[in-house]
Amino acid sequence: MNLRSLVEIVNKGQFIRPILNYVIHYLESDRPDKNKSIVNYINVLKLKWDVKYDEALEIIDEEIKGLKKGGLYYLLTKKDTKKQLA
């Protein structure tokens, strides 16, 4: 999945959750090891929408350790995301 497409989908808000559930299912069945970071990013968004900030921060901490600078690293460390979760 293209990261740019994912960002466009996510910008629609929490009402896009059923589509994100489908995307997660597709990514996990396609190549689970390669798509793990994207799936975790989607799960963080869903936890944020459910106001489960502690769980979301745990996933973010785990993912940041394994990521190098790039698209997902930027999305997980965005200033507004950290502000909302803090």
C-alpha atoms as a PDB file:
ATOM      1  CA  MET A   1       0.000   0.000   0.000  1.00  0.00           C
ATOM      2  CA  ASN A   2       1.189   3.473  -0.857  1.00  0.00           C
ATOM      3  CA  LEU A   3       1.820   5.555   2.266  1.00  0.00           C
ATOM      4  CA  ARG A   4       0.453   8.667   0.579  1.00  0.00           C
ATOM      5  CA  SER A   5      -2.847   6.874  -0.128  1.00  0.00           C
ATOM      6  CA  LEU A   6      -3.043   5.759   3.478  1.00  0.00           C
ATOM      7  CA  VAL A   7      -2.606   9.327   4.718  1.00  0.00           C
ATOM      8  CA  GLU A   8      -5.397  10.507   2.408  1.00  0.00           C
ATOM      9  CA  ILE A   9      -7.707   7.788   3.741  1.00  0.00           C
ATOM     10  CA  VAL A  10      -6.837   8.530   7.382  1.00  0.00           C
ATOM     11  CA  ASN A  11      -7.485  12.252   6.921  1.00  0.00           C
ATOM     12  CA  LYS A  12     -11.186  11.416   6.583  1.00  0.00           C
ATOM     13  CA  GLY A  13     -11.325  10.785  10.345  1.00  0.00           C
ATOM     14  CA  GLN A  14     -12.537   7.992  12.560  1.00  0.00           C
ATOM     15  CA  PHE A  15     -15.593   7.261  10.419  1.00  0.00           C
ATOM     16  CA  ILE A  16     -13.277   5.592   7.916  1.00  0.00           C
ATOM     17  CA  ARG A  17     -12.571   2.813  10.449  1.00  0.00           C
ATOM     18  CA  PRO A  18     -14.336   0.004   8.472  1.00  0.00           C
ATOM     19  CA  ILE A  19     -12.101   0.711   5.486  1.00  0.00           C
ATOM     20  CA  LEU A  20      -9.028   0.710   7.733  1.00  0.00           C
ATOM     21  CA  ASN A  21     -10.112  -2.666   9.130  1.00  0.00           C
ATOM     22  CA  TYR A  22     -10.229  -3.973   5.556  1.00  0.00           C
ATOM     23  CA  VAL A  23      -6.804  -2.469   4.816  1.00  0.00           C
ATOM     24  CA  ILE A  24      -5.349  -4.155   7.921  1.00  0.00           C
ATOM     25  CA  HIS A  25      -6.839  -7.499   6.868  1.00  0.00           C
ATOM     26  CA  TYR A  26      -5.423  -7.104   3.360  1.00  0.00           C
ATOM     27  CA  LEU A  27      -1.956  -6.074   4.569  1.00  0.00           C
ATOM     28  CA  GLU A  28      -1.746  -8.895   7.099  1.00  0.00           C
ATOM     29  CA  SER A  29      -2.739 -11.494   4.533  1.00  0.00           C
ATOM     30  CA  ASP A  30      -0.429 -10.094   1.836  1.00  0.00           C
ATOM     31  CA  ARG A  31       2.970  -9.783   3.576  1.00  0.00           C
ATOM     32  CA  PRO A  32       2.605  -9.504   7.339  1.00  0.00           C
ATOM     33  CA  ASP A  33       6.309  -9.040   8.084  1.00  0.00           C
ATOM     34  CA  LYS A  34       6.740  -6.215   5.560  1.00  0.00           C
ATOM     35  CA  ASN A  35       3.509  -4.399   6.459  1.00  0.00           C
ATOM     36  CA  LYS A  36       3.797  -4.642  10.251  1.00  0.00           C
ATOM     37  CA  SER A  37       4.702  -0.969  10.714  1.00  0.00           C
ATOM     38  CA  ILE A  38       1.788   0.229   8.593  1.00  0.00           C
ATOM     39  CA  VAL A  39      -0.635  -2.014  10.483  1.00  0.00           C
ATOM     40  CA  ASN A  40       0.721  -0.710  13.785  1.00  0.00           C
ATOM     41  CA  TYR A  41       0.300   2.883  12.582  1.00  0.00           C
ATOM     42  CA  ILE A  42      -3.346   2.197  11.753  1.00  0.00           C
ATOM     43  CA  ASN A  43      -3.815   0.541  15.147  1.00  0.00           C
ATOM     44  CA  VAL A  44      -2.329   3.613  16.847  1.00  0.00           C
ATOM     45  CA  LEU A  45      -4.857   5.807  15.057  1.00  0.00           C
ATOM     46  CA  LYS A  46      -7.704   3.566  16.134  1.00  0.00           C
ATOM     47  CA  LEU A  47      -6.483   3.631  19.746  1.00  0.00           C
ATOM     48  CA  LYS A  48      -6.223   7.414  19.571  1.00  0.00           C
ATOM     49  CA  TRP A  49      -9.811   7.638  18.342  1.00  0.00           C
ATOM     50  CA  ASP A  50     -10.855   5.343  21.226  1.00  0.00           C
ATOM     51  CA  VAL A  51      -8.998   7.625  23.693  1.00  0.00           C
ATOM     52  CA  LYS A  52      -6.602   4.835  24.709  1.00  0.00           C
ATOM     53  CA  TYR A  53      -3.511   6.997  24.732  1.00  0.00           C
ATOM     54  CA  ASP A  54      -1.297   4.835  26.934  1.00  0.00           C
ATOM     55  CA  GLU A  55      -1.665   1.812  24.661  1.00  0.00           C
ATOM     56  CA  ALA A  56      -1.032   3.988  21.609  1.00  0.00           C
ATOM     57  CA  LEU A  57       2.154   5.411  23.143  1.00  0.00           C
ATOM     58  CA  GLU A  58       3.441   1.903  23.890  1.00  0.00           C
ATOM     59  CA  ILE A  59       3.035   0.908  20.241  1.00  0.00           C
ATOM     60  CA  ILE A  60       4.651   4.158  19.079  1.00  0.00           C
ATOM     61  CA  ASP A  61       7.663   3.577  21.351  1.00  0.00           C
ATOM     62  CA  GLU A  62       8.127   0.048  20.014  1.00  0.00           C
ATOM     63  CA  GLU A  63       7.817   1.152  16.393  1.00  0.00           C
ATOM     64  CA  ILE A  64      10.176   4.119  16.661  1.00  0.00           C
ATOM     65  CA  LYS A  65      12.953   1.826  17.893  1.00  0.00           C
ATOM     66  CA  GLY A  66      12.744  -0.242  14.718  1.00  0.00           C
ATOM     67  CA  LEU A  67      12.215   2.517  12.164  1.00  0.00           C
ATOM     68  CA  LYS A  68      14.736   4.681  10.418  1.00  0.00           C
ATOM     69  CA  LYS A  69      13.944   8.197   9.309  1.00  0.00           C
ATOM     70  CA  GLY A  70      11.217   8.094   6.691  1.00  0.00           C
ATOM     71  CA  GLY A  71       7.509   8.334   6.103  1.00  0.00           C
ATOM     72  CA  LEU A  72       6.226   6.174   8.961  1.00  0.00           C
ATOM     73  CA  TYR A  73       8.798   7.590  11.368  1.00  0.00           C
ATOM     74  CA  TYR A  74       7.505  11.059  10.549  1.00  0.00           C
ATOM     75  CA  LEU A  75       3.860  10.030  10.950  1.00  0.00           C
ATOM     76  CA  LEU A  76       4.511   8.432  14.335  1.00  0.00           C
ATOM     77  CA  THR A  77       6.494  11.389  15.649  1.00  0.00           C
ATOM     78  CA  LYS A  78       4.328  14.206  14.286  1.00  0.00           C
ATOM     79  CA  LYS A  79       4.034  17.085  16.693  1.00  0.00           C
ATOM     80  CA  ASP A  80       0.211  17.083  16.797  1.00  0.00           C
ATOM     81  CA  THR A  81       0.069  13.305  17.389  1.00  0.00           C
ATOM     82  CA  LYS A  82       2.433  13.514  20.347  1.00  0.00           C
ATOM     83  CA  LYS A  83       0.541  16.513  21.731  1.00  0.00           C
ATOM     84  CA  GLN A  84      -2.799  14.702  21.589  1.00  0.00           C
ATOM     85  CA  LEU A  85      -1.396  11.563  23.218  1.00  0.00           C
ATOM     86  CA  ALA A  86       0.513  13.328  25.984  1.00  0.00           C
END
